[in-house]
Amino acid sequence: MAFLENLGKKVGEAAQAVTKKSSELVEVTKLNANISSEEDKINKLYTQIGKAVYENFHQTGNAPDIVKEACEQIAAHQENIRALKEKIAEVKGIKSCINCGAEMERPQLFCSRCGTKNEIPQTATVNQPQEAPANSECPSCGTAVIPGAAFCTNCGTRL
């Protein structure tokens, strides 16, 4: 009987030790999660600081010496992105209106959304016919116009 009592006592002590370790592990996991959350908040603040410093550099051209090189690199990368986007637009045969930013075909002279005259690409001609999905025509010049357009893309007449 003493053997069974000792065995029961040992099993009870082992169970208590496991319970204690288990609760320690849960508590450590919670604390580590809180640490990760705080580190994420710090990283977001670092990002905000960096953006603020870069925006100041972009507006004024000035930045602390310690970050000036990085700001200049960001500006170079942004210029590369702008050039790549322009190449994509070229490949697609589109451009953005200089006034409202609407997407328009490169040969279009006037924006169909706002009517602003845009520069003619060197490969386009003024009287180049426009493709339109419907039989709509400009009443002034007869160029096919996109349904729903507010202005003719060839002569700029309000539709």
C-alpha atoms as a PDB file:
ATOM      1  CA  MET A   1       0.000   0.000   0.000  1.00  0.00           C
ATOM      2  CA  ALA A   2       2.863   2.360   0.774  1.00  0.00           C
ATOM      3  CA  PHE A   3       4.104   1.753  -2.743  1.00  0.00           C
ATOM      4  CA  LEU A   4       0.791   2.906  -4.231  1.00  0.00           C
ATOM      5  CA  GLU A   5       0.692   5.945  -1.938  1.00  0.00           C
ATOM      6  CA  ASN A   6       4.239   6.918  -3.025  1.00  0.00           C
ATOM      7  CA  LEU A   7       3.287   6.360  -6.650  1.00  0.00           C
ATOM      8  CA  GLY A   8       0.173   8.513  -6.251  1.00  0.00           C
ATOM      9  CA  LYS A   9       2.209  11.216  -4.557  1.00  0.00           C
ATOM     10  CA  LYS A  10       4.830  11.177  -7.328  1.00  0.00           C
ATOM     11  CA  VAL A  11       2.137  11.325 -10.042  1.00  0.00           C
ATOM     12  CA  GLY A  12       0.479  14.263  -8.254  1.00  0.00           C
ATOM     13  CA  GLU A  13       3.792  16.138  -7.995  1.00  0.00           C
ATOM     14  CA  ALA A  14       4.514  15.498 -11.683  1.00  0.00           C
ATOM     15  CA  ALA A  15       1.066  16.763 -12.655  1.00  0.00           C
ATOM     16  CA  GLN A  16       1.610  19.923 -10.603  1.00  0.00           C
ATOM     17  CA  ALA A  17       4.989  20.472 -12.255  1.00  0.00           C
ATOM     18  CA  VAL A  18       3.474  20.022 -15.716  1.00  0.00           C
ATOM     19  CA  THR A  19       0.645  22.424 -14.851  1.00  0.00           C
ATOM     20  CA  LYS A  20       3.129  25.000 -13.582  1.00  0.00           C
ATOM     21  CA  LYS A  21       5.313  24.680 -16.714  1.00  0.00           C
ATOM     22  CA  SER A  22       2.239  24.858 -18.915  1.00  0.00           C
ATOM     23  CA  SER A  23       0.998  28.072 -17.291  1.00  0.00           C
ATOM     24  CA  GLU A  24       4.530  29.522 -17.510  1.00  0.00           C
ATOM     25  CA  LEU A  25       4.612  28.684 -21.225  1.00  0.00           C
ATOM     26  CA  VAL A  26       1.208  30.326 -21.794  1.00  0.00           C
ATOM     27  CA  GLU A  27       2.307  33.450 -19.905  1.00  0.00           C
ATOM     28  CA  VAL A  28       5.623  33.644 -21.821  1.00  0.00           C
ATOM     29  CA  THR A  29       3.741  33.241 -25.124  1.00  0.00           C
ATOM     30  CA  LYS A  30       1.366  36.091 -24.217  1.00  0.00           C
ATOM     31  CA  LEU A  31       4.272  38.316 -23.223  1.00  0.00           C
ATOM     32  CA  ASN A  32       6.147  37.512 -26.447  1.00  0.00           C
ATOM     33  CA  ALA A  33       3.010  38.386 -28.431  1.00  0.00           C
ATOM     34  CA  ASN A  34       2.834  41.721 -26.594  1.00  0.00           C
ATOM     35  CA  ILE A  35       6.514  42.348 -27.355  1.00  0.00           C
ATOM     36  CA  SER A  36       5.885  41.639 -31.060  1.00  0.00           C
ATOM     37  CA  SER A  37       2.925  44.017 -31.026  1.00  0.00           C
ATOM     38  CA  GLU A  38       5.034  46.781 -29.491  1.00  0.00           C
ATOM     39  CA  GLU A  39       7.838  46.155 -32.013  1.00  0.00           C
ATOM     40  CA  ASP A  40       5.311  46.413 -34.875  1.00  0.00           C
ATOM     41  CA  LYS A  41       4.119  49.759 -33.490  1.00  0.00           C
ATOM     42  CA  ILE A  42       7.728  50.973 -33.326  1.00  0.00           C
ATOM     43  CA  ASN A  43       8.365  49.889 -36.926  1.00  0.00           C
ATOM     44  CA  LYS A  44       5.251  51.754 -38.089  1.00  0.00           C
ATOM     45  CA  LEU A  45       6.495  54.863 -36.308  1.00  0.00           C
ATOM     46  CA  TYR A  46       9.918  54.455 -37.943  1.00  0.00           C
ATOM     47  CA  THR A  47       8.141  54.317 -41.298  1.00  0.00           C
ATOM     48  CA  GLN A  48       6.155  57.463 -40.483  1.00  0.00           C
ATOM     49  CA  ILE A  49       9.342  59.264 -39.443  1.00  0.00           C
ATOM     50  CA  GLY A  50      11.064  58.181 -42.641  1.00  0.00           C
ATOM     51  CA  LYS A  51       8.148  59.318 -44.804  1.00  0.00           C
ATOM     52  CA  ALA A  52       8.038  62.669 -43.027  1.00  0.00           C
ATOM     53  CA  VAL A  53      11.776  63.177 -43.514  1.00  0.00           C
ATOM     54  CA  TYR A  54      11.520  62.200 -47.196  1.00  0.00           C
ATOM     55  CA  GLU A  55       8.478  64.426 -47.819  1.00  0.00           C
ATOM     56  CA  ASN A  56      10.422  67.333 -46.294  1.00  0.00           C
ATOM     57  CA  PHE A  57      13.385  66.483 -48.554  1.00  0.00           C
ATOM     58  CA  HIS A  58      11.070  66.252 -51.580  1.00  0.00           C
ATOM     59  CA  GLN A  59       9.546  69.679 -50.846  1.00  0.00           C
ATOM     60  CA  THR A  60      12.634  71.551 -49.728  1.00  0.00           C
ATOM     61  CA  GLY A  61      15.577  69.591 -51.104  1.00  0.00           C
ATOM     62  CA  ASN A  62      17.033  69.547 -47.607  1.00  0.00           C
ATOM     63  CA  ALA A  63      17.571  66.579 -45.336  1.00  0.00           C
ATOM     64  CA  PRO A  64      19.921  65.770 -42.480  1.00  0.00           C
ATOM     65  CA  ASP A  65      23.247  64.475 -43.799  1.00  0.00           C
ATOM     66  CA  ILE A  66      22.664  61.109 -42.148  1.00  0.00           C
ATOM     67  CA  VAL A  67      19.604  60.436 -44.379  1.00  0.00           C
ATOM     68  CA  LYS A  68      20.248  62.643 -47.408  1.00  0.00           C
ATOM     69  CA  GLU A  69      21.774  59.834 -49.479  1.00  0.00           C
ATOM     70  CA  ALA A  70      18.809  57.558 -48.772  1.00  0.00           C
ATOM     71  CA  CYS A  71      16.398  60.359 -49.728  1.00  0.00           C
ATOM     72  CA  GLU A  72      18.262  60.877 -52.997  1.00  0.00           C
ATOM     73  CA  GLN A  73      18.086  57.129 -53.678  1.00  0.00           C
ATOM     74  CA  ILE A  74      14.327  57.147 -53.041  1.00  0.00           C
ATOM     75  CA  ALA A  75      13.945  60.027 -55.494  1.00  0.00           C
ATOM     76  CA  ALA A  76      15.938  58.080 -58.099  1.00  0.00           C
ATOM     77  CA  HIS A  77      13.772  54.981 -57.583  1.00  0.00           C
ATOM     78  CA  GLN A  78      10.618  57.077 -57.911  1.00  0.00           C
ATOM     79  CA  GLU A  79      11.908  58.511 -61.180  1.00  0.00           C
ATOM     80  CA  ASN A  80      12.620  54.961 -62.414  1.00  0.00           C
ATOM     81  CA  ILE A  81       9.039  53.965 -61.523  1.00  0.00           C
ATOM     82  CA  ARG A  82       7.671  57.013 -63.372  1.00  0.00           C
ATOM     83  CA  ALA A  83       9.737  56.144 -66.456  1.00  0.00           C
ATOM     84  CA  LEU A  84       8.626  52.501 -66.345  1.00  0.00           C
ATOM     85  CA  LYS A  85       4.974  53.544 -66.052  1.00  0.00           C
ATOM     86  CA  GLU A  86       5.451  55.835 -69.051  1.00  0.00           C
ATOM     87  CA  LYS A  87       6.899  52.902 -71.024  1.00  0.00           C
ATOM     88  CA  ILE A  88       3.872  50.786 -70.067  1.00  0.00           C
ATOM     89  CA  ALA A  89       1.589  53.575 -71.299  1.00  0.00           C
ATOM     90  CA  GLU A  90       3.588  53.741 -74.547  1.00  0.00           C
ATOM     91  CA  VAL A  91       3.265  50.002 -75.078  1.00  0.00           C
ATOM     92  CA  LYS A  92      -0.478  50.240 -74.422  1.00  0.00           C
ATOM     93  CA  GLY A  93      -0.776  53.277 -76.706  1.00  0.00           C
ATOM     94  CA  ILE A  94      -2.245  55.493 -74.002  1.00  0.00           C
ATOM     95  CA  LYS A  95      -1.412  58.682 -72.136  1.00  0.00           C
ATOM     96  CA  SER A  96      -2.891  60.612 -69.221  1.00  0.00           C
ATOM     97  CA  CYS A  97      -4.669  63.916 -69.660  1.00  0.00           C
ATOM     98  CA  ILE A  98      -2.461  66.755 -68.456  1.00  0.00           C
ATOM     99  CA  ASN A  99      -5.439  68.334 -66.670  1.00  0.00           C
ATOM    100  CA  CYS A 100      -7.627  65.608 -65.139  1.00  0.00           C
ATOM    101  CA  GLY A 101      -5.416  62.509 -65.474  1.00  0.00           C
ATOM    102  CA  ALA A 102      -7.993  60.573 -67.495  1.00  0.00           C
ATOM    103  CA  GLU A 103      -6.577  57.746 -69.583  1.00  0.00           C
ATOM    104  CA  MET A 104      -6.702  58.528 -73.281  1.00  0.00           C
ATOM    105  CA  GLU A 105      -5.261  57.178 -76.522  1.00  0.00           C
ATOM    106  CA  ARG A 106      -1.977  58.764 -77.557  1.00  0.00           C
ATOM    107  CA  PRO A 107      -3.242  60.241 -80.861  1.00  0.00           C
ATOM    108  CA  GLN A 108      -6.130  62.047 -79.134  1.00  0.00           C
ATOM    109  CA  LEU A 109      -5.753  65.785 -79.226  1.00  0.00           C
ATOM    110  CA  PHE A 110      -8.410  66.651 -76.638  1.00  0.00           C
ATOM    111  CA  CYS A 111      -9.444  64.821 -73.474  1.00  0.00           C
ATOM    112  CA  SER A 112     -12.885  63.228 -73.745  1.00  0.00           C
ATOM    113  CA  ARG A 113     -13.528  63.855 -70.037  1.00  0.00           C
ATOM    114  CA  CYS A 114     -12.509  67.499 -69.506  1.00  0.00           C
ATOM    115  CA  GLY A 115     -11.831  68.815 -73.035  1.00  0.00           C
ATOM    116  CA  THR A 116      -8.279  69.987 -72.297  1.00  0.00           C
ATOM    117  CA  LYS A 117      -5.961  70.132 -75.289  1.00  0.00           C
ATOM    118  CA  ASN A 118      -3.028  67.733 -74.852  1.00  0.00           C
ATOM    119  CA  GLU A 119       0.236  67.646 -76.753  1.00  0.00           C
ATOM    120  CA  ILE A 120       0.234  65.513 -79.881  1.00  0.00           C
ATOM    121  CA  PRO A 121       2.698  62.615 -79.691  1.00  0.00           C
ATOM    122  CA  GLN A 122       5.294  62.776 -82.443  1.00  0.00           C
ATOM    123  CA  THR A 123       4.021  59.546 -83.997  1.00  0.00           C
ATOM    124  CA  ALA A 124       0.400  60.770 -84.211  1.00  0.00           C
ATOM    125  CA  THR A 125      -1.289  63.100 -86.649  1.00  0.00           C
ATOM    126  CA  VAL A 126      -4.123  65.478 -85.871  1.00  0.00           C
ATOM    127  CA  ASN A 127      -6.598  63.952 -88.316  1.00  0.00           C
ATOM    128  CA  GLN A 128      -5.845  60.350 -87.414  1.00  0.00           C
ATOM    129  CA  PRO A 129      -9.196  58.524 -87.176  1.00  0.00           C
ATOM    130  CA  GLN A 130     -10.365  57.373 -83.746  1.00  0.00           C
ATOM    131  CA  GLU A 131     -11.808  53.937 -83.136  1.00  0.00           C
ATOM    132  CA  ALA A 132     -15.127  53.984 -81.341  1.00  0.00           C
ATOM    133  CA  PRO A 133     -17.273  51.083 -80.214  1.00  0.00           C
ATOM    134  CA  ALA A 134     -20.469  52.771 -81.462  1.00  0.00           C
ATOM    135  CA  ASN A 135     -21.476  54.891 -84.462  1.00  0.00           C
ATOM    136  CA  SER A 136     -21.249  58.222 -82.592  1.00  0.00           C
ATOM    137  CA  GLU A 137     -19.613  61.079 -84.477  1.00  0.00           C
ATOM    138  CA  CYS A 138     -18.530  64.567 -83.560  1.00  0.00           C
ATOM    139  CA  PRO A 139     -21.030  67.039 -85.069  1.00  0.00           C
ATOM    140  CA  SER A 140     -18.192  69.458 -85.816  1.00  0.00           C
ATOM    141  CA  CYS A 141     -15.485  67.339 -87.465  1.00  0.00           C
ATOM    142  CA  GLY A 142     -17.132  63.926 -87.974  1.00  0.00           C
ATOM    143  CA  THR A 143     -14.543  61.987 -85.961  1.00  0.00           C
ATOM    144  CA  ALA A 144     -15.866  58.858 -84.261  1.00  0.00           C
ATOM    145  CA  VAL A 145     -16.305  59.468 -80.538  1.00  0.00           C
ATOM    146  CA  ILE A 146     -16.550  57.152 -77.574  1.00  0.00           C
ATOM    147  CA  PRO A 147     -20.090  56.873 -76.179  1.00  0.00           C
ATOM    148  CA  GLY A 148     -20.401  58.980 -73.049  1.00  0.00           C
ATOM    149  CA  ALA A 149     -17.525  61.303 -74.013  1.00  0.00           C
ATOM    150  CA  ALA A 150     -18.113  64.935 -73.087  1.00  0.00           C
ATOM    151  CA  PHE A 151     -15.708  66.305 -75.698  1.00  0.00           C
ATOM    152  CA  CYS A 152     -14.450  65.285 -79.146  1.00  0.00           C
ATOM    153  CA  THR A 153     -10.929  63.897 -78.917  1.00  0.00           C
ATOM    154  CA  ASN A 154      -9.983  65.376 -82.308  1.00  0.00           C
ATOM    155  CA  CYS A 155     -11.289  68.956 -82.278  1.00  0.00           C
ATOM    156  CA  GLY A 156     -12.337  69.510 -78.646  1.00  0.00           C
ATOM    157  CA  THR A 157     -15.962  70.329 -79.408  1.00  0.00           C
ATOM    158  CA  ARG A 158     -18.314  69.833 -76.463  1.00  0.00           C
ATOM    159  CA  LEU A 159     -20.652  66.952 -77.295  1.00  0.00           C
END
